[in-house]
Amino acid sequence: MSESNSYYVPHASSWPFLATVSVVVLFIGAANYMNGYASGSTVMLMGLAFLLIVSYGWFSAVIQESEAGIYNAQVDISFRWGMVWFIFSEVMFGLLHPH
């Protein structure tokens, strides 16, 4: 199989792990805040800030990979169809539960 027809396998990344840790910290902080603990709001805001930083870093890495030409046409189409299906599912949920 030639290089242009091979399937793209992403390199190992720490972004998913960091995002998971930040969401866990965010939820722990939110639970503590809702239960009246004084440190809850601080932990929740730290988790939110870390999640925003991780999101920025992750999207920056994906954009840099795309601009560097690492992705082939198949990966580009996969990203586009993934976004189309995500938007479609959100519209369908909105139609099923119009609150």
PDB file of N, CA and C in Angstrom:
ATOM      1  N   MET A   1       0.849  -1.169   0.000  1.00  0.00           N
ATOM      2  CA  MET A   1       0.000   0.000   0.000  1.00  0.00           C
ATOM      3  C   MET A   1       0.897   1.235   0.000  1.00  0.00           C
ATOM      4  N   SER A   2       0.631   2.172  -0.869  1.00  0.00           N
ATOM      5  CA  SER A   2       1.466   3.369  -0.947  1.00  0.00           C
ATOM      6  C   SER A   2       1.174   4.298   0.229  1.00  0.00           C
ATOM      7  N   GLU A   3       2.090   5.233   0.461  1.00  0.00           N
ATOM      8  CA  GLU A   3       1.966   6.152   1.585  1.00  0.00           C
ATOM      9  C   GLU A   3       0.720   7.028   1.462  1.00  0.00           C
ATOM     10  N   SER A   4       0.351   7.427   0.255  1.00  0.00           N
ATOM     11  CA  SER A   4      -0.804   8.302   0.074  1.00  0.00           C
ATOM     12  C   SER A   4      -2.126   7.567   0.287  1.00  0.00           C
ATOM     13  N   ASN A   5      -2.124   6.239   0.186  1.00  0.00           N
ATOM     14  CA  ASN A   5      -3.352   5.485   0.377  1.00  0.00           C
ATOM     15  C   ASN A   5      -3.434   4.802   1.742  1.00  0.00           C
ATOM     16  N   SER A   6      -2.429   4.991   2.586  1.00  0.00           N
ATOM     17  CA  SER A   6      -2.460   4.340   3.886  1.00  0.00           C
ATOM     18  C   SER A   6      -3.358   5.117   4.841  1.00  0.00           C
ATOM     19  N   TYR A   7      -3.872   4.398   5.818  1.00  0.00           N
ATOM     20  CA  TYR A   7      -4.769   5.026   6.782  1.00  0.00           C
ATOM     21  C   TYR A   7      -3.945   5.757   7.824  1.00  0.00           C
ATOM     22  N   TYR A   8      -4.362   6.947   8.177  1.00  0.00           N
ATOM     23  CA  TYR A   8      -3.640   7.766   9.144  1.00  0.00           C
ATOM     24  C   TYR A   8      -3.875   7.249  10.565  1.00  0.00           C
ATOM     25  N   VAL A   9      -2.799   6.988  11.279  1.00  0.00           N
ATOM     26  CA  VAL A   9      -2.872   6.601  12.683  1.00  0.00           C
ATOM     27  C   VAL A   9      -2.202   7.714  13.480  1.00  0.00           C
ATOM     28  N   PRO A  10      -2.956   8.394  14.354  1.00  0.00           N
ATOM     29  CA  PRO A  10      -2.360   9.519  15.079  1.00  0.00           C
ATOM     30  C   PRO A  10      -1.276   9.052  16.048  1.00  0.00           C
ATOM     31  N   HIS A  11      -0.316   9.918  16.281  1.00  0.00           N
ATOM     32  CA  HIS A  11       0.751   9.621  17.226  1.00  0.00           C
ATOM     33  C   HIS A  11       0.201   9.667  18.652  1.00  0.00           C
ATOM     34  N   ALA A  12       0.934   9.102  19.566  1.00  0.00           N
ATOM     35  CA  ALA A  12       0.511   9.118  20.972  1.00  0.00           C
ATOM     36  C   ALA A  12       0.446  10.560  21.466  1.00  0.00           C
ATOM     37  N   SER A  13      -0.583  10.856  22.233  1.00  0.00           N
ATOM     38  CA  SER A  13      -0.787  12.214  22.709  1.00  0.00           C
ATOM     39  C   SER A  13      -1.227  12.194  24.160  1.00  0.00           C
ATOM     40  N   SER A  14      -0.800  13.185  24.897  1.00  0.00           N
ATOM     41  CA  SER A  14      -1.216  13.295  26.295  1.00  0.00           C
ATOM     42  C   SER A  14      -2.459  14.161  26.451  1.00  0.00           C
ATOM     43  N   TRP A  15      -2.941  14.776  25.378  1.00  0.00           N
ATOM     44  CA  TRP A  15      -4.098  15.677  25.478  1.00  0.00           C
ATOM     45  C   TRP A  15      -5.363  14.992  25.998  1.00  0.00           C
ATOM     46  N   PRO A  16      -5.719  13.797  25.549  1.00  0.00           N
ATOM     47  CA  PRO A  16      -6.926  13.169  26.104  1.00  0.00           C
ATOM     48  C   PRO A  16      -6.820  12.904  27.610  1.00  0.00           C
ATOM     49  N   PHE A  17      -5.664  12.466  28.067  1.00  0.00           N
ATOM     50  CA  PHE A  17      -5.474  12.225  29.502  1.00  0.00           C
ATOM     51  C   PHE A  17      -5.593  13.531  30.284  1.00  0.00           C
ATOM     52  N   LEU A  18      -4.948  14.594  29.804  1.00  0.00           N
ATOM     53  CA  LEU A  18      -5.013  15.885  30.488  1.00  0.00           C
ATOM     54  C   LEU A  18      -6.433  16.436  30.510  1.00  0.00           C
ATOM     55  N   ALA A  19      -7.171  16.239  29.427  1.00  0.00           N
ATOM     56  CA  ALA A  19      -8.564  16.698  29.394  1.00  0.00           C
ATOM     57  C   ALA A  19      -9.402  15.926  30.407  1.00  0.00           C
ATOM     58  N   THR A  20      -9.162  14.630  30.521  1.00  0.00           N
ATOM     59  CA  THR A  20      -9.897  13.815  31.483  1.00  0.00           C
ATOM     60  C   THR A  20      -9.600  14.267  32.909  1.00  0.00           C
ATOM     61  N   VAL A  21      -8.340  14.515  33.209  1.00  0.00           N
ATOM     62  CA  VAL A  21      -7.971  14.976  34.549  1.00  0.00           C
ATOM     63  C   VAL A  21      -8.639  16.318  34.853  1.00  0.00           C
ATOM     64  N   SER A  22      -8.642  17.225  33.902  1.00  0.00           N
ATOM     65  CA  SER A  22      -9.240  18.540  34.144  1.00  0.00           C
ATOM     66  C   SER A  22     -10.751  18.440  34.344  1.00  0.00           C
ATOM     67  N   VAL A  23     -11.414  17.557  33.610  1.00  0.00           N
ATOM     68  CA  VAL A  23     -12.862  17.378  33.788  1.00  0.00           C
ATOM     69  C   VAL A  23     -13.160  16.752  35.149  1.00  0.00           C
ATOM     70  N   VAL A  24     -12.339  15.807  35.571  1.00  0.00           N
ATOM     71  CA  VAL A  24     -12.527  15.201  36.897  1.00  0.00           C
ATOM     72  C   VAL A  24     -12.362  16.262  37.984  1.00  0.00           C
ATOM     73  N   VAL A  25     -11.331  17.101  37.878  1.00  0.00           N
ATOM     74  CA  VAL A  25     -11.123  18.171  38.854  1.00  0.00           C
ATOM     75  C   VAL A  25     -12.297  19.140  38.828  1.00  0.00           C
ATOM     76  N   LEU A  26     -12.767  19.479  37.637  1.00  0.00           N
ATOM     77  CA  LEU A  26     -13.916  20.369  37.501  1.00  0.00           C
ATOM     78  C   LEU A  26     -15.150  19.784  38.187  1.00  0.00           C
ATOM     79  N   PHE A  27     -15.436  18.511  37.960  1.00  0.00           N
ATOM     80  CA  PHE A  27     -16.617  17.872  38.560  1.00  0.00           C
ATOM     81  C   PHE A  27     -16.478  17.708  40.065  1.00  0.00           C
ATOM     82  N   ILE A  28     -15.287  17.390  40.542  1.00  0.00           N
ATOM     83  CA  ILE A  28     -15.078  17.295  41.989  1.00  0.00           C
ATOM     84  C   ILE A  28     -15.308  18.663  42.631  1.00  0.00           C
ATOM     85  N   GLY A  29     -14.772  19.693  42.008  1.00  0.00           N
ATOM     86  CA  GLY A  29     -14.991  21.044  42.518  1.00  0.00           C
ATOM     87  C   GLY A  29     -16.458  21.436  42.502  1.00  0.00           C
ATOM     88  N   ALA A  30     -17.166  21.086  41.422  1.00  0.00           N
ATOM     89  CA  ALA A  30     -18.591  21.408  41.332  1.00  0.00           C
ATOM     90  C   ALA A  30     -19.390  20.660  42.399  1.00  0.00           C
ATOM     91  N   ALA A  31     -19.060  19.393  42.623  1.00  0.00           N
ATOM     92  CA  ALA A  31     -19.755  18.609  43.652  1.00  0.00           C
ATOM     93  C   ALA A  31     -19.488  19.191  45.038  1.00  0.00           C
ATOM     94  N   ASN A  32     -18.245  19.564  45.295  1.00  0.00           N
ATOM     95  CA  ASN A  32     -17.927  20.169  46.584  1.00  0.00           C
ATOM     96  C   ASN A  32     -18.617  21.516  46.754  1.00  0.00           C
ATOM     97  N   TYR A  33     -18.669  22.298  45.696  1.00  0.00           N
ATOM     98  CA  TYR A  33     -19.347  23.597  45.750  1.00  0.00           C
ATOM     99  C   TYR A  33     -20.839  23.419  46.055  1.00  0.00           C
ATOM    100  N   MET A  34     -21.471  22.446  45.388  1.00  0.00           N
ATOM    101  CA  MET A  34     -22.905  22.214  45.607  1.00  0.00           C
ATOM    102  C   MET A  34     -23.193  21.657  47.001  1.00  0.00           C
ATOM    103  N   ASN A  35     -22.195  21.046  47.610  1.00  0.00           N
ATOM    104  CA  ASN A  35     -22.373  20.507  48.956  1.00  0.00           C
ATOM    105  C   ASN A  35     -21.878  21.467  50.039  1.00  0.00           C
ATOM    106  N   GLY A  36     -21.543  22.674  49.647  1.00  0.00           N
ATOM    107  CA  GLY A  36     -21.243  23.718  50.615  1.00  0.00           C
ATOM    108  C   GLY A  36     -19.814  23.782  51.119  1.00  0.00           C
ATOM    109  N   TYR A  37     -18.892  23.086  50.500  1.00  0.00           N
ATOM    110  CA  TYR A  37     -17.494  23.161  50.927  1.00  0.00           C
ATOM    111  C   TYR A  37     -16.874  24.464  50.436  1.00  0.00           C
ATOM    112  N   ALA A  38     -16.093  25.091  51.287  1.00  0.00           N
ATOM    113  CA  ALA A  38     -15.520  26.404  50.967  1.00  0.00           C
ATOM    114  C   ALA A  38     -14.563  26.339  49.775  1.00  0.00           C
ATOM    115  N   SER A  39     -13.825  25.256  49.634  1.00  0.00           N
ATOM    116  CA  SER A  39     -12.839  25.159  48.558  1.00  0.00           C
ATOM    117  C   SER A  39     -13.454  24.712  47.233  1.00  0.00           C
ATOM    118  N   GLY A  40     -14.746  24.392  47.236  1.00  0.00           N
ATOM    119  CA  GLY A  40     -15.382  23.865  46.035  1.00  0.00           C
ATOM    120  C   GLY A  40     -15.300  24.786  44.841  1.00  0.00           C
ATOM    121  N   SER A  41     -15.586  26.070  45.059  1.00  0.00           N
ATOM    122  CA  SER A  41     -15.573  27.002  43.925  1.00  0.00           C
ATOM    123  C   SER A  41     -14.163  27.190  43.381  1.00  0.00           C
ATOM    124  N   THR A  42     -13.167  27.197  44.272  1.00  0.00           N
ATOM    125  CA  THR A  42     -11.782  27.354  43.824  1.00  0.00           C
ATOM    126  C   THR A  42     -11.341  26.151  42.991  1.00  0.00           C
ATOM    127  N   VAL A  43     -11.638  24.948  43.473  1.00  0.00           N
ATOM    128  CA  VAL A  43     -11.266  23.734  42.738  1.00  0.00           C
ATOM    129  C   VAL A  43     -12.006  23.683  41.408  1.00  0.00           C
ATOM    130  N   MET A  44     -13.289  24.064  41.418  1.00  0.00           N
ATOM    131  CA  MET A  44     -14.078  24.053  40.189  1.00  0.00           C
ATOM    132  C   MET A  44     -13.494  25.023  39.162  1.00  0.00           C
ATOM    133  N   LEU A  45     -13.134  26.222  39.594  1.00  0.00           N
ATOM    134  CA  LEU A  45     -12.557  27.201  38.674  1.00  0.00           C
ATOM    135  C   LEU A  45     -11.181  26.771  38.176  1.00  0.00           C
ATOM    136  N   MET A  46     -10.408  26.097  39.031  1.00  0.00           N
ATOM    137  CA  MET A  46      -9.115  25.577  38.588  1.00  0.00           C
ATOM    138  C   MET A  46      -9.313  24.506  37.521  1.00  0.00           C
ATOM    139  N   GLY A  47     -10.284  23.625  37.721  1.00  0.00           N
ATOM    140  CA  GLY A  47     -10.578  22.593  36.731  1.00  0.00           C
ATOM    141  C   GLY A  47     -11.036  23.194  35.415  1.00  0.00           C
ATOM    142  N   LEU A  48     -11.883  24.230  35.501  1.00  0.00           N
ATOM    143  CA  LEU A  48     -12.363  24.896  34.290  1.00  0.00           C
ATOM    144  C   LEU A  48     -11.213  25.584  33.554  1.00  0.00           C
ATOM    145  N   ALA A  49     -10.365  26.276  34.314  1.00  0.00           N
ATOM    146  CA  ALA A  49      -9.216  26.947  33.686  1.00  0.00           C
ATOM    147  C   ALA A  49      -8.289  25.937  33.015  1.00  0.00           C
ATOM    148  N   PHE A  50      -8.022  24.829  33.697  1.00  0.00           N
ATOM    149  CA  PHE A  50      -7.159  23.798  33.127  1.00  0.00           C
ATOM    150  C   PHE A  50      -7.795  23.193  31.882  1.00  0.00           C
ATOM    151  N   LEU A  51      -9.118  22.979  31.909  1.00  0.00           N
ATOM    152  CA  LEU A  51      -9.813  22.439  30.739  1.00  0.00           C
ATOM    153  C   LEU A  51      -9.707  23.398  29.554  1.00  0.00           C
ATOM    154  N   LEU A  52      -9.842  24.685  29.796  1.00  0.00           N
ATOM    155  CA  LEU A  52      -9.713  25.669  28.712  1.00  0.00           C
ATOM    156  C   LEU A  52      -8.288  25.684  28.154  1.00  0.00           C
ATOM    157  N   ILE A  53      -7.302  25.584  29.033  1.00  0.00           N
ATOM    158  CA  ILE A  53      -5.898  25.557  28.586  1.00  0.00           C
ATOM    159  C   ILE A  53      -5.626  24.294  27.760  1.00  0.00           C
ATOM    160  N   VAL A  54      -6.123  23.157  28.243  1.00  0.00           N
ATOM    161  CA  VAL A  54      -5.927  21.893  27.517  1.00  0.00           C
ATOM    162  C   VAL A  54      -6.640  21.949  26.165  1.00  0.00           C
ATOM    163  N   SER A  55      -7.854  22.493  26.135  1.00  0.00           N
ATOM    164  CA  SER A  55      -8.586  22.601  24.871  1.00  0.00           C
ATOM    165  C   SER A  55      -7.828  23.462  23.871  1.00  0.00           C
ATOM    166  N   TYR A  56      -7.297  24.586  24.338  1.00  0.00           N
ATOM    167  CA  TYR A  56      -6.515  25.452  23.461  1.00  0.00           C
ATOM    168  C   TYR A  56      -5.290  24.718  22.915  1.00  0.00           C
ATOM    169  N   GLY A  57      -4.567  24.028  23.800  1.00  0.00           N
ATOM    170  CA  GLY A  57      -3.382  23.291  23.378  1.00  0.00           C
ATOM    171  C   GLY A  57      -3.703  22.179  22.405  1.00  0.00           C
ATOM    172  N   TRP A  58      -4.781  21.453  22.681  1.00  0.00           N
ATOM    173  CA  TRP A  58      -5.160  20.323  21.826  1.00  0.00           C
ATOM    174  C   TRP A  58      -5.564  20.817  20.440  1.00  0.00           C
ATOM    175  N   PHE A  59      -6.422  21.847  20.398  1.00  0.00           N
ATOM    176  CA  PHE A  59      -6.833  22.377  19.102  1.00  0.00           C
ATOM    177  C   PHE A  59      -5.647  22.985  18.359  1.00  0.00           C
ATOM    178  N   SER A  60      -4.734  23.619  19.081  1.00  0.00           N
ATOM    179  CA  SER A  60      -3.534  24.165  18.438  1.00  0.00           C
ATOM    180  C   SER A  60      -2.709  23.061  17.797  1.00  0.00           C
ATOM    181  N   ALA A  61      -2.577  21.937  18.498  1.00  0.00           N
ATOM    182  CA  ALA A  61      -1.801  20.816  17.951  1.00  0.00           C
ATOM    183  C   ALA A  61      -2.461  20.254  16.694  1.00  0.00           C
ATOM    184  N   VAL A  62      -3.783  20.124  16.714  1.00  0.00           N
ATOM    185  CA  VAL A  62      -4.493  19.603  15.539  1.00  0.00           C
ATOM    186  C   VAL A  62      -4.364  20.565  14.362  1.00  0.00           C
ATOM    187  N   ILE A  63      -4.472  21.847  14.626  1.00  0.00           N
ATOM    188  CA  ILE A  63      -4.343  22.842  13.563  1.00  0.00           C
ATOM    189  C   ILE A  63      -2.925  22.822  12.989  1.00  0.00           C
ATOM    190  N   GLN A  64      -1.922  22.724  13.863  1.00  0.00           N
ATOM    191  CA  GLN A  64      -0.536  22.672  13.383  1.00  0.00           C
ATOM    192  C   GLN A  64      -0.295  21.437  12.526  1.00  0.00           C
ATOM    193  N   GLU A  65      -0.855  20.296  12.942  1.00  0.00           N
ATOM    194  CA  GLU A  65      -0.711  19.074  12.146  1.00  0.00           C
ATOM    195  C   GLU A  65      -1.386  19.225  10.787  1.00  0.00           C
ATOM    196  N   SER A  66      -2.551  19.855  10.786  1.00  0.00           N
ATOM    197  CA  SER A  66      -3.266  20.054   9.528  1.00  0.00           C
ATOM    198  C   SER A  66      -2.499  20.999   8.604  1.00  0.00           C
ATOM    199  N   GLU A  67      -1.997  22.091   9.156  1.00  0.00           N
ATOM    200  CA  GLU A  67      -1.256  23.064   8.354  1.00  0.00           C
ATOM    201  C   GLU A  67       0.076  22.489   7.859  1.00  0.00           C
ATOM    202  N   ALA A  68       0.635  21.543   8.582  1.00  0.00           N
ATOM    203  CA  ALA A  68       1.906  20.935   8.178  1.00  0.00           C
ATOM    204  C   ALA A  68       1.714  19.904   7.072  1.00  0.00           C
ATOM    205  N   GLY A  69       0.471  19.587   6.743  1.00  0.00           N
ATOM    206  CA  GLY A  69       0.196  18.639   5.675  1.00  0.00           C
ATOM    207  C   GLY A  69       0.294  17.189   6.102  1.00  0.00           C
ATOM    208  N   ILE A  70       0.191  16.934   7.398  1.00  0.00           N
ATOM    209  CA  ILE A  70       0.280  15.565   7.900  1.00  0.00           C
ATOM    210  C   ILE A  70      -0.956  14.757   7.519  1.00  0.00           C
ATOM    211  N   TYR A  71      -2.105  15.409   7.500  1.00  0.00           N
ATOM    212  CA  TYR A  71      -3.351  14.711   7.200  1.00  0.00           C
ATOM    213  C   TYR A  71      -3.530  14.561   5.696  1.00  0.00           C
ATOM    214  N   ASN A  72      -3.998  13.382   5.289  1.00  0.00           N
ATOM    215  CA  ASN A  72      -4.305  13.183   3.874  1.00  0.00           C
ATOM    216  C   ASN A  72      -5.790  13.485   3.644  1.00  0.00           C
ATOM    217  N   ALA A  73      -6.248  13.292   2.439  1.00  0.00           N
ATOM    218  CA  ALA A  73      -7.635  13.621   2.094  1.00  0.00           C
ATOM    219  C   ALA A  73      -8.632  12.783   2.899  1.00  0.00           C
ATOM    220  N   GLN A  74      -8.279  11.529   3.183  1.00  0.00           N
ATOM    221  CA  GLN A  74      -9.183  10.662   3.942  1.00  0.00           C
ATOM    222  C   GLN A  74      -9.402  11.203   5.356  1.00  0.00           C
ATOM    223  N   VAL A  75      -8.348  11.667   6.005  1.00  0.00           N
ATOM    224  CA  VAL A  75      -8.473  12.212   7.353  1.00  0.00           C
ATOM    225  C   VAL A  75      -9.283  13.500   7.315  1.00  0.00           C
ATOM    226  N   ASP A  76      -9.036  14.327   6.308  1.00  0.00           N
ATOM    227  CA  ASP A  76      -9.787  15.573   6.165  1.00  0.00           C
ATOM    228  C   ASP A  76     -11.279  15.291   6.018  1.00  0.00           C
ATOM    229  N   ILE A  77     -11.631  14.337   5.187  1.00  0.00           N
ATOM    230  CA  ILE A  77     -13.042  13.967   5.010  1.00  0.00           C
ATOM    231  C   ILE A  77     -13.611  13.394   6.310  1.00  0.00           C
ATOM    232  N   SER A  78     -12.825  12.591   7.021  1.00  0.00           N
ATOM    233  CA  SER A  78     -13.286  12.028   8.288  1.00  0.00           C
ATOM    234  C   SER A  78     -13.600  13.122   9.295  1.00  0.00           C
ATOM    235  N   PHE A  79     -12.737  14.139   9.394  1.00  0.00           N
ATOM    236  CA  PHE A  79     -12.997  15.261  10.297  1.00  0.00           C
ATOM    237  C   PHE A  79     -14.279  15.986   9.904  1.00  0.00           C
ATOM    238  N   ARG A  80     -14.437  16.225   8.608  1.00  0.00           N
ATOM    239  CA  ARG A  80     -15.624  16.961   8.150  1.00  0.00           C
ATOM    240  C   ARG A  80     -16.907  16.166   8.393  1.00  0.00           C
ATOM    241  N   TRP A  81     -16.898  14.872   8.075  1.00  0.00           N
ATOM    242  CA  TRP A  81     -18.090  14.058   8.300  1.00  0.00           C
ATOM    243  C   TRP A  81     -18.381  13.898   9.795  1.00  0.00           C
ATOM    244  N   GLY A  82     -17.339  13.807  10.587  1.00  0.00           N
ATOM    245  CA  GLY A  82     -17.538  13.737  12.030  1.00  0.00           C
ATOM    246  C   GLY A  82     -18.267  14.963  12.553  1.00  0.00           C
ATOM    247  N   MET A  83     -17.891  16.142  12.056  1.00  0.00           N
ATOM    248  CA  MET A  83     -18.556  17.372  12.487  1.00  0.00           C
ATOM    249  C   MET A  83     -19.978  17.421  11.955  1.00  0.00           C
ATOM    250  N   VAL A  84     -20.201  16.972  10.735  1.00  0.00           N
ATOM    251  CA  VAL A  84     -21.560  16.943  10.179  1.00  0.00           C
ATOM    252  C   VAL A  84     -22.457  16.048  11.023  1.00  0.00           C
ATOM    253  N   TRP A  85     -21.984  14.856  11.373  1.00  0.00           N
ATOM    254  CA  TRP A  85     -22.797  13.939  12.175  1.00  0.00           C
ATOM    255  C   TRP A  85     -23.022  14.477  13.586  1.00  0.00           C
ATOM    256  N   PHE A  86     -22.034  15.159  14.152  1.00  0.00           N
ATOM    257  CA  PHE A  86     -22.221  15.763  15.471  1.00  0.00           C
ATOM    258  C   PHE A  86     -23.314  16.828  15.418  1.00  0.00           C
ATOM    259  N   ILE A  87     -23.245  17.718  14.435  1.00  0.00           N
ATOM    260  CA  ILE A  87     -24.260  18.773  14.312  1.00  0.00           C
ATOM    261  C   ILE A  87     -25.627  18.161  14.057  1.00  0.00           C
ATOM    262  N   PHE A  88     -25.685  17.140  13.201  1.00  0.00           N
ATOM    263  CA  PHE A  88     -26.952  16.452  12.929  1.00  0.00           C
ATOM    264  C   PHE A  88     -27.542  15.864  14.208  1.00  0.00           C
ATOM    265  N   SER A  89     -26.716  15.212  15.018  1.00  0.00           N
ATOM    266  CA  SER A  89     -27.230  14.603  16.249  1.00  0.00           C
ATOM    267  C   SER A  89     -27.743  15.671  17.213  1.00  0.00           C
ATOM    268  N   GLU A  90     -27.061  16.812  17.286  1.00  0.00           N
ATOM    269  CA  GLU A  90     -27.528  17.886  18.166  1.00  0.00           C
ATOM    270  C   GLU A  90     -28.855  18.458  17.681  1.00  0.00           C
ATOM    271  N   VAL A  91     -29.005  18.604  16.382  1.00  0.00           N
ATOM    272  CA  VAL A  91     -30.283  19.084  15.830  1.00  0.00           C
ATOM    273  C   VAL A  91     -31.404  18.092  16.122  1.00  0.00           C
ATOM    274  N   MET A  92     -31.121  16.811  15.964  1.00  0.00           N
ATOM    275  CA  MET A  92     -32.143  15.800  16.222  1.00  0.00           C
ATOM    276  C   MET A  92     -32.534  15.777  17.701  1.00  0.00           C
ATOM    277  N   PHE A  93     -31.568  15.890  18.612  1.00  0.00           N
ATOM    278  CA  PHE A  93     -31.905  15.955  20.023  1.00  0.00           C
ATOM    279  C   PHE A  93     -32.737  17.193  20.322  1.00  0.00           C
ATOM    280  N   GLY A  94     -32.408  18.295  19.663  1.00  0.00           N
ATOM    281  CA  GLY A  94     -33.179  19.525  19.849  1.00  0.00           C
ATOM    282  C   GLY A  94     -34.611  19.377  19.362  1.00  0.00           C
ATOM    283  N   LEU A  95     -34.806  18.639  18.280  1.00  0.00           N
ATOM    284  CA  LEU A  95     -36.152  18.419  17.770  1.00  0.00           C
ATOM    285  C   LEU A  95     -36.937  17.458  18.637  1.00  0.00           C
ATOM    286  N   LEU A  96     -36.248  16.469  19.214  1.00  0.00           N
ATOM    287  CA  LEU A  96     -36.938  15.490  20.052  1.00  0.00           C
ATOM    288  C   LEU A  96     -37.293  16.049  21.419  1.00  0.00           C
ATOM    289  N   HIS A  97     -36.485  16.952  21.933  1.00  0.00           N
ATOM    290  CA  HIS A  97     -36.706  17.516  23.266  1.00  0.00           C
ATOM    291  C   HIS A  97     -36.665  19.035  23.209  1.00  0.00           C
ATOM    292  N   PRO A  98     -37.690  19.663  22.646  1.00  0.00           N
ATOM    293  CA  PRO A  98     -37.670  21.122  22.473  1.00  0.00           C
ATOM    294  C   PRO A  98     -38.065  21.873  23.764  1.00  0.00           C
ATOM    295  N   HIS A  99     -37.144  21.989  24.693  1.00  0.00           N
ATOM    296  CA  HIS A  99     -37.461  22.683  25.947  1.00  0.00           C
ATOM    297  C   HIS A  99     -36.963  24.073  25.902  1.00  0.00           C
TER     298      HIS A  99
END
